Amino acid sequence: MADPVPLIDTYGRVADDLRISVTDRCNFRCIYCMPAQGLEWLSRDQVLSFDEIQLLATIFVRRYGVRTIRLTGGEPLVRSKIEDLVAMIDEIDHGLAETPLRDLLRGGATGDEVCRVIEAAVWGKEEGHLINQAGFVKPAKSMSQIGG
């Protein structure tokens, strides 16, 4: 196999971090991205299957030298059997950057251990958001309202 050809942006930076949205659904109702009237969710046939996600990830790792894959969403943990997808991505290249959750899943952690890591990530994220600051100014429109 040929050496990967790195993806380089217009500023000359190598892009070796891939974000893959595994769902549009989310069980949080953050004011900065979830409009009060809710959202119209994609139908299941419009969401990439795990096999399709693994194929895309494989292409980006092998052809373009991606070293880190982040599963995003919505909220990726609402996707059924997300741990199976993590295992499928792990099959691509064991040298991909590790995450604490991935280590736990591969190490056979208990549900309680996984929950503790997830809760720490969620609550830590909330504490770091500016929406909890007195000077936070709510965006006039959410990304979904402006086509993002």
N, C-alpha and C. Protein backbone atom coordinates (compact mmCIF):
# COMPACT_ATOMS: atom_id res chain seq x y z
N MET A 1 0.83 -1.17 0.00
CA MET A 1 0.00 0.00 0.00
C MET A 1 0.88 1.25 0.00
N ALA A 2 0.47 2.24 -0.76
CA ALA A 2 1.23 3.50 -0.86
C ALA A 2 1.15 4.27 0.45
N ASP A 3 2.14 5.11 0.66
CA ASP A 3 2.13 5.97 1.85
C ASP A 3 0.94 6.92 1.78
N PRO A 4 0.35 7.23 2.94
CA PRO A 4 -0.77 8.17 2.94
C PRO A 4 -0.35 9.55 2.44
N VAL A 5 -1.26 10.21 1.77
CA VAL A 5 -1.07 11.58 1.32
C VAL A 5 -1.83 12.47 2.29
N PRO A 6 -1.12 13.27 3.10
CA PRO A 6 -1.81 14.05 4.13
C PRO A 6 -2.77 15.09 3.55
N LEU A 7 -3.84 15.31 4.27
CA LEU A 7 -4.77 16.38 3.93
C LEU A 7 -4.21 17.67 4.52
N ILE A 8 -4.06 18.69 3.67
CA ILE A 8 -3.48 19.96 4.12
C ILE A 8 -4.47 21.06 3.81
N ASP A 9 -4.78 21.87 4.83
CA ASP A 9 -5.74 22.95 4.62
C ASP A 9 -5.07 24.15 3.95
N THR A 10 -5.85 25.19 3.71
CA THR A 10 -5.34 26.37 3.00
C THR A 10 -4.29 27.14 3.79
N TYR A 11 -4.14 26.85 5.09
CA TYR A 11 -3.11 27.49 5.91
C TYR A 11 -1.87 26.62 6.06
N GLY A 12 -1.85 25.48 5.33
CA GLY A 12 -0.69 24.60 5.36
C GLY A 12 -0.67 23.63 6.54
N ARG A 13 -1.77 23.56 7.29
CA ARG A 13 -1.82 22.66 8.44
C ARG A 13 -2.25 21.27 8.00
N VAL A 14 -1.62 20.24 8.57
CA VAL A 14 -2.00 18.86 8.29
C VAL A 14 -3.24 18.51 9.10
N ALA A 15 -4.24 18.02 8.42
CA ALA A 15 -5.49 17.61 9.08
C ALA A 15 -5.44 16.11 9.29
N ASP A 16 -5.15 15.69 10.52
CA ASP A 16 -5.08 14.25 10.79
C ASP A 16 -6.06 13.83 11.89
N ASP A 17 -7.07 14.66 12.10
CA ASP A 17 -8.10 14.41 13.09
C ASP A 17 -9.44 14.39 12.37
N LEU A 18 -10.12 13.25 12.39
CA LEU A 18 -11.39 13.09 11.68
C LEU A 18 -12.54 13.02 12.68
N ARG A 19 -13.56 13.81 12.44
CA ARG A 19 -14.78 13.76 13.25
C ARG A 19 -15.87 13.14 12.40
N ILE A 20 -16.50 12.10 12.93
CA ILE A 20 -17.58 11.42 12.22
C ILE A 20 -18.84 11.51 13.07
N SER A 21 -19.88 12.10 12.51
CA SER A 21 -21.15 12.19 13.21
C SER A 21 -21.88 10.86 13.05
N VAL A 22 -22.18 10.22 14.17
CA VAL A 22 -22.82 8.90 14.12
C VAL A 22 -24.33 8.99 14.30
N THR A 23 -24.83 10.16 14.67
CA THR A 23 -26.27 10.37 14.82
C THR A 23 -26.56 11.86 14.87
N ASP A 24 -27.78 12.21 14.53
CA ASP A 24 -28.19 13.60 14.68
C ASP A 24 -28.95 13.78 15.99
N ARG A 25 -29.23 12.70 16.67
CA ARG A 25 -30.06 12.74 17.88
C ARG A 25 -29.25 13.12 19.11
N CYS A 26 -29.94 13.73 20.05
CA CYS A 26 -29.29 14.13 21.28
C CYS A 26 -30.33 14.16 22.39
N ASN A 27 -29.93 13.72 23.56
CA ASN A 27 -30.85 13.74 24.70
C ASN A 27 -30.62 14.96 25.59
N PHE A 28 -29.72 15.85 25.19
CA PHE A 28 -29.52 17.11 25.90
C PHE A 28 -30.34 18.19 25.20
N ARG A 29 -30.65 19.22 25.88
CA ARG A 29 -31.39 20.32 25.28
C ARG A 29 -30.64 21.62 25.51
N CYS A 30 -29.41 21.67 25.04
CA CYS A 30 -28.57 22.85 25.22
C CYS A 30 -29.17 24.02 24.45
N ILE A 31 -29.23 25.18 25.08
CA ILE A 31 -29.88 26.33 24.44
C ILE A 31 -29.13 26.84 23.23
N TYR A 32 -27.84 26.52 23.12
CA TYR A 32 -27.07 27.05 22.01
C TYR A 32 -27.18 26.21 20.73
N CYS A 33 -27.77 25.01 20.81
CA CYS A 33 -27.88 24.23 19.57
C CYS A 33 -29.24 23.56 19.39
N MET A 34 -30.09 23.58 20.40
CA MET A 34 -31.38 22.91 20.29
C MET A 34 -32.49 23.97 20.36
N PRO A 35 -33.15 24.23 19.23
CA PRO A 35 -34.21 25.23 19.26
C PRO A 35 -35.37 24.76 20.14
N ALA A 36 -36.10 25.71 20.71
CA ALA A 36 -37.21 25.40 21.61
C ALA A 36 -38.25 24.49 20.97
N GLN A 37 -38.45 24.64 19.67
CA GLN A 37 -39.45 23.83 18.98
C GLN A 37 -38.93 22.44 18.62
N GLY A 38 -37.67 22.14 18.95
CA GLY A 38 -37.09 20.83 18.64
C GLY A 38 -36.57 20.78 17.22
N LEU A 39 -36.18 19.60 16.82
CA LEU A 39 -35.64 19.39 15.48
C LEU A 39 -36.35 18.22 14.81
N GLU A 40 -36.31 18.20 13.51
CA GLU A 40 -36.82 17.05 12.77
C GLU A 40 -35.65 16.10 12.57
N TRP A 41 -35.74 14.91 13.17
CA TRP A 41 -34.64 13.94 13.11
C TRP A 41 -34.58 13.26 11.76
N LEU A 42 -33.39 12.83 11.39
CA LEU A 42 -33.21 12.04 10.17
C LEU A 42 -33.85 10.67 10.34
N SER A 43 -34.32 10.11 9.24
CA SER A 43 -34.82 8.73 9.30
C SER A 43 -33.61 7.79 9.37
N ARG A 44 -33.81 6.59 9.89
CA ARG A 44 -32.70 5.66 10.08
C ARG A 44 -31.94 5.37 8.78
N ASP A 45 -32.64 5.34 7.64
CA ASP A 45 -31.97 5.04 6.38
C ASP A 45 -31.12 6.21 5.89
N GLN A 46 -31.25 7.37 6.50
CA GLN A 46 -30.42 8.53 6.14
C GLN A 46 -29.15 8.63 6.98
N VAL A 47 -29.06 7.83 8.03
CA VAL A 47 -27.90 7.84 8.93
C VAL A 47 -26.94 6.75 8.46
N LEU A 48 -25.63 7.06 8.44
CA LEU A 48 -24.65 6.08 7.99
C LEU A 48 -24.69 4.83 8.86
N SER A 49 -24.59 3.66 8.23
CA SER A 49 -24.49 2.40 8.97
C SER A 49 -23.08 2.28 9.55
N PHE A 50 -22.91 1.37 10.50
CA PHE A 50 -21.58 1.16 11.06
C PHE A 50 -20.59 0.71 9.98
N ASP A 51 -21.04 -0.12 9.05
CA ASP A 51 -20.14 -0.56 7.97
C ASP A 51 -19.71 0.62 7.10
N GLU A 52 -20.64 1.54 6.82
CA GLU A 52 -20.30 2.72 6.02
C GLU A 52 -19.32 3.63 6.78
N ILE A 53 -19.54 3.79 8.08
CA ILE A 53 -18.64 4.60 8.89
C ILE A 53 -17.26 3.98 8.93
N GLN A 54 -17.19 2.65 9.11
CA GLN A 54 -15.90 1.97 9.14
C GLN A 54 -15.18 2.13 7.79
N LEU A 55 -15.90 2.02 6.69
CA LEU A 55 -15.29 2.19 5.37
C LEU A 55 -14.72 3.60 5.21
N LEU A 56 -15.49 4.62 5.57
CA LEU A 56 -14.99 5.99 5.48
C LEU A 56 -13.77 6.20 6.36
N ALA A 57 -13.84 5.70 7.58
CA ALA A 57 -12.71 5.84 8.51
C ALA A 57 -11.47 5.15 7.95
N THR A 58 -11.65 3.98 7.37
CA THR A 58 -10.52 3.23 6.78
C THR A 58 -9.87 4.04 5.66
N ILE A 59 -10.68 4.62 4.80
CA ILE A 59 -10.16 5.43 3.70
C ILE A 59 -9.34 6.60 4.24
N PHE A 60 -9.88 7.31 5.23
CA PHE A 60 -9.17 8.47 5.77
C PHE A 60 -7.89 8.08 6.50
N VAL A 61 -7.88 6.94 7.18
CA VAL A 61 -6.68 6.48 7.88
C VAL A 61 -5.62 6.04 6.89
N ARG A 62 -5.99 5.20 5.94
CA ARG A 62 -5.00 4.60 5.04
C ARG A 62 -4.56 5.52 3.91
N ARG A 63 -5.47 6.31 3.35
CA ARG A 63 -5.11 7.18 2.22
C ARG A 63 -4.59 8.54 2.66
N TYR A 64 -5.13 9.05 3.78
CA TYR A 64 -4.82 10.43 4.14
C TYR A 64 -4.09 10.58 5.48
N GLY A 65 -3.75 9.47 6.12
CA GLY A 65 -2.94 9.52 7.33
C GLY A 65 -3.64 10.03 8.58
N VAL A 66 -4.97 9.92 8.63
CA VAL A 66 -5.69 10.33 9.83
C VAL A 66 -5.22 9.51 11.01
N ARG A 67 -4.95 10.17 12.15
CA ARG A 67 -4.44 9.50 13.35
C ARG A 67 -5.44 9.48 14.49
N THR A 68 -6.43 10.37 14.46
CA THR A 68 -7.42 10.46 15.53
C THR A 68 -8.81 10.48 14.91
N ILE A 69 -9.68 9.63 15.43
CA ILE A 69 -11.08 9.63 14.98
C ILE A 69 -11.95 9.94 16.19
N ARG A 70 -12.79 10.95 16.03
CA ARG A 70 -13.71 11.33 17.10
C ARG A 70 -15.14 11.04 16.63
N LEU A 71 -15.86 10.30 17.43
CA LEU A 71 -17.25 10.00 17.12
C LEU A 71 -18.11 11.08 17.76
N THR A 72 -18.87 11.78 16.93
CA THR A 72 -19.66 12.90 17.40
C THR A 72 -21.13 12.67 17.05
N GLY A 73 -21.93 13.69 17.19
CA GLY A 73 -23.34 13.58 16.87
C GLY A 73 -23.91 14.96 16.63
N GLY A 74 -25.06 15.07 17.06
CA GLY A 74 -25.86 14.84 18.23
C GLY A 74 -24.98 14.37 19.40
N GLU A 75 -25.53 13.47 20.12
CA GLU A 75 -24.85 12.84 21.24
C GLU A 75 -24.57 11.39 20.85
N PRO A 76 -23.30 11.04 20.56
CA PRO A 76 -23.00 9.72 20.03
C PRO A 76 -23.41 8.55 20.93
N LEU A 77 -23.49 8.79 22.23
CA LEU A 77 -23.83 7.69 23.12
C LEU A 77 -25.30 7.30 23.07
N VAL A 78 -26.14 8.07 22.35
CA VAL A 78 -27.52 7.64 22.18
C VAL A 78 -27.65 6.67 21.01
N ARG A 79 -26.61 6.50 20.23
CA ARG A 79 -26.63 5.55 19.10
C ARG A 79 -26.51 4.14 19.65
N SER A 80 -27.46 3.31 19.31
CA SER A 80 -27.49 1.94 19.78
C SER A 80 -26.24 1.19 19.36
N LYS A 81 -25.67 0.46 20.28
CA LYS A 81 -24.50 -0.40 20.05
C LYS A 81 -23.26 0.38 19.62
N ILE A 82 -23.11 1.60 20.13
CA ILE A 82 -21.96 2.43 19.78
C ILE A 82 -20.65 1.71 20.10
N GLU A 83 -20.66 0.87 21.13
CA GLU A 83 -19.45 0.13 21.49
C GLU A 83 -19.01 -0.81 20.37
N ASP A 84 -19.95 -1.31 19.57
CA ASP A 84 -19.60 -2.14 18.42
C ASP A 84 -18.86 -1.31 17.37
N LEU A 85 -19.30 -0.08 17.16
CA LEU A 85 -18.63 0.80 16.20
C LEU A 85 -17.22 1.12 16.67
N VAL A 86 -17.05 1.36 17.97
CA VAL A 86 -15.72 1.63 18.50
C VAL A 86 -14.80 0.44 18.20
N ALA A 87 -15.30 -0.77 18.40
CA ALA A 87 -14.50 -1.97 18.12
C ALA A 87 -14.19 -2.07 16.62
N MET A 88 -15.14 -1.73 15.76
CA MET A 88 -14.92 -1.78 14.31
C MET A 88 -13.84 -0.79 13.89
N ILE A 89 -13.86 0.40 14.46
CA ILE A 89 -12.84 1.40 14.13
C ILE A 89 -11.49 0.97 14.66
N ASP A 90 -11.48 0.31 15.80
CA ASP A 90 -10.23 -0.19 16.37
C ASP A 90 -9.58 -1.22 15.44
N GLU A 91 -10.38 -1.95 14.67
CA GLU A 91 -9.84 -2.94 13.72
C GLU A 91 -9.04 -2.28 12.61
N ILE A 92 -9.30 -1.03 12.33
CA ILE A 92 -8.62 -0.33 11.23
C ILE A 92 -7.14 -0.20 11.52
N ASP A 93 -6.81 0.32 12.69
CA ASP A 93 -5.42 0.61 13.01
C ASP A 93 -5.30 0.76 14.52
N HIS A 94 -4.60 -0.17 15.15
CA HIS A 94 -4.45 -0.11 16.60
C HIS A 94 -3.60 1.07 17.04
N GLY A 95 -2.99 1.78 16.10
CA GLY A 95 -2.15 2.93 16.45
C GLY A 95 -2.93 4.23 16.54
N LEU A 96 -4.25 4.19 16.29
CA LEU A 96 -5.02 5.41 16.40
C LEU A 96 -4.96 5.93 17.83
N ALA A 97 -5.08 7.23 17.97
CA ALA A 97 -5.02 7.84 19.30
C ALA A 97 -6.07 7.23 20.21
N GLU A 98 -5.67 6.99 21.44
CA GLU A 98 -6.56 6.36 22.41
C GLU A 98 -7.37 7.40 23.16
N THR A 99 -8.53 7.00 23.62
CA THR A 99 -9.34 7.83 24.50
C THR A 99 -9.65 7.03 25.75
N PRO A 100 -9.94 7.67 26.87
CA PRO A 100 -10.25 6.92 28.08
C PRO A 100 -11.43 5.97 27.90
N LEU A 101 -12.46 6.39 27.18
CA LEU A 101 -13.62 5.53 26.99
C LEU A 101 -13.26 4.32 26.14
N ARG A 102 -12.47 4.55 25.13
CA ARG A 102 -12.06 3.44 24.26
C ARG A 102 -11.25 2.42 25.04
N ASP A 103 -10.33 2.90 25.89
CA ASP A 103 -9.55 1.98 26.73
C ASP A 103 -10.47 1.14 27.60
N LEU A 104 -11.47 1.79 28.18
CA LEU A 104 -12.41 1.06 29.05
C LEU A 104 -13.18 0.00 28.27
N LEU A 105 -13.69 0.38 27.11
CA LEU A 105 -14.48 -0.57 26.32
C LEU A 105 -13.64 -1.76 25.88
N ARG A 106 -12.42 -1.48 25.47
CA ARG A 106 -11.53 -2.57 25.03
C ARG A 106 -11.07 -3.42 26.20
N GLY A 107 -11.03 -2.83 27.40
CA GLY A 107 -10.54 -3.55 28.57
C GLY A 107 -11.62 -4.31 29.31
N GLY A 108 -12.86 -4.31 28.80
CA GLY A 108 -13.93 -5.05 29.43
C GLY A 108 -14.45 -4.41 30.70
N ALA A 109 -14.49 -3.09 30.74
CA ALA A 109 -14.95 -2.37 31.93
C ALA A 109 -16.41 -2.69 32.23
N THR A 110 -16.77 -2.54 33.48
CA THR A 110 -18.17 -2.73 33.87
C THR A 110 -18.98 -1.53 33.42
N GLY A 111 -20.29 -1.70 33.40
CA GLY A 111 -21.17 -0.60 33.05
C GLY A 111 -21.00 0.58 33.98
N ASP A 112 -20.79 0.31 35.28
CA ASP A 112 -20.60 1.38 36.25
C ASP A 112 -19.34 2.19 35.96
N GLU A 113 -18.27 1.51 35.57
CA GLU A 113 -17.01 2.21 35.26
C GLU A 113 -17.19 3.11 34.04
N VAL A 114 -17.86 2.59 33.01
CA VAL A 114 -18.10 3.37 31.81
C VAL A 114 -18.98 4.57 32.14
N CYS A 115 -20.01 4.35 32.94
CA CYS A 115 -20.90 5.45 33.34
C CYS A 115 -20.15 6.56 34.07
N ARG A 116 -19.22 6.19 34.94
CA ARG A 116 -18.45 7.20 35.68
C ARG A 116 -17.65 8.09 34.72
N VAL A 117 -17.02 7.47 33.71
CA VAL A 117 -16.24 8.24 32.74
C VAL A 117 -17.15 9.16 31.93
N ILE A 118 -18.29 8.63 31.50
CA ILE A 118 -19.22 9.42 30.70
C ILE A 118 -19.76 10.58 31.53
N GLU A 119 -20.16 10.31 32.76
CA GLU A 119 -20.69 11.37 33.62
C GLU A 119 -19.64 12.45 33.87
N ALA A 120 -18.40 12.04 34.10
CA ALA A 120 -17.33 13.03 34.32
C ALA A 120 -17.15 13.90 33.09
N ALA A 121 -17.22 13.28 31.90
CA ALA A 121 -17.05 14.05 30.66
C ALA A 121 -18.21 15.01 30.45
N VAL A 122 -19.42 14.54 30.71
CA VAL A 122 -20.60 15.38 30.50
C VAL A 122 -20.62 16.54 31.49
N TRP A 123 -20.43 16.25 32.78
CA TRP A 123 -20.50 17.31 33.77
C TRP A 123 -19.30 18.24 33.65
N GLY A 124 -18.14 17.70 33.31
CA GLY A 124 -16.97 18.55 33.11
C GLY A 124 -17.17 19.49 31.94
N LYS A 125 -17.82 18.99 30.89
CA LYS A 125 -18.10 19.82 29.72
C LYS A 125 -19.05 20.95 30.11
N GLU A 126 -20.08 20.61 30.86
CA GLU A 126 -21.05 21.62 31.24
C GLU A 126 -20.39 22.71 32.08
N GLU A 127 -19.52 22.32 33.00
CA GLU A 127 -18.86 23.31 33.85
C GLU A 127 -17.97 24.24 33.05
N GLY A 128 -17.40 23.74 31.95
CA GLY A 128 -16.50 24.54 31.14
C GLY A 128 -17.19 25.43 30.13
N HIS A 129 -18.49 25.20 29.89
CA HIS A 129 -19.20 26.01 28.92
C HIS A 129 -19.47 27.41 29.44
N LEU A 130 -19.40 28.36 28.56
CA LEU A 130 -19.66 29.75 28.93
C LEU A 130 -21.13 30.01 29.24
N ILE A 131 -22.03 29.06 28.87
CA ILE A 131 -23.45 29.32 29.12
C ILE A 131 -23.74 29.41 30.61
N ASN A 132 -22.82 28.96 31.43
CA ASN A 132 -23.01 29.05 32.87
C ASN A 132 -22.45 30.35 33.43
N GLN A 133 -21.87 31.18 32.59
CA GLN A 133 -21.27 32.44 33.02
C GLN A 133 -22.31 33.56 32.94
N ALA A 134 -22.21 34.50 33.84
CA ALA A 134 -23.17 35.61 33.88
C ALA A 134 -23.17 36.42 32.59
N GLY A 135 -22.02 36.55 31.92
CA GLY A 135 -21.93 37.39 30.74
C GLY A 135 -22.24 36.68 29.43
N PHE A 136 -22.72 35.43 29.49
CA PHE A 136 -23.00 34.68 28.26
C PHE A 136 -24.13 35.34 27.48
N VAL A 137 -23.90 35.51 26.18
CA VAL A 137 -24.93 36.07 25.31
C VAL A 137 -25.41 34.95 24.40
N LYS A 138 -26.67 34.63 24.51
CA LYS A 138 -27.25 33.55 23.71
C LYS A 138 -27.25 33.95 22.23
N PRO A 139 -26.78 33.02 21.35
CA PRO A 139 -26.81 33.33 19.91
C PRO A 139 -28.23 33.64 19.46
N ALA A 140 -28.36 34.56 18.51
CA ALA A 140 -29.68 34.93 18.00
C ALA A 140 -30.35 33.76 17.30
N LYS A 141 -29.55 32.93 16.64
CA LYS A 141 -30.08 31.77 15.93
C LYS A 141 -29.17 30.58 16.18
N SER A 142 -29.77 29.39 16.21
CA SER A 142 -28.95 28.18 16.36
C SER A 142 -28.39 27.81 14.99
N MET A 143 -27.38 26.95 14.98
CA MET A 143 -26.78 26.52 13.70
C MET A 143 -27.82 25.86 12.81
N SER A 144 -28.77 25.11 13.38
CA SER A 144 -29.78 24.47 12.55
C SER A 144 -30.70 25.50 11.88
N GLN A 145 -30.89 26.64 12.53
CA GLN A 145 -31.74 27.67 11.96
C GLN A 145 -31.05 28.44 10.83
N ILE A 146 -29.72 28.43 10.82
CA ILE A 146 -29.00 29.16 9.76
C ILE A 146 -28.41 28.21 8.73
N GLY A 147 -28.78 26.93 8.81
CA GLY A 147 -28.36 25.97 7.81
C GLY A 147 -27.08 25.24 8.15
N GLY A 148 -26.61 25.29 9.40
CA GLY A 148 -25.38 24.61 9.79
C GLY A 148 -25.60 23.22 10.26
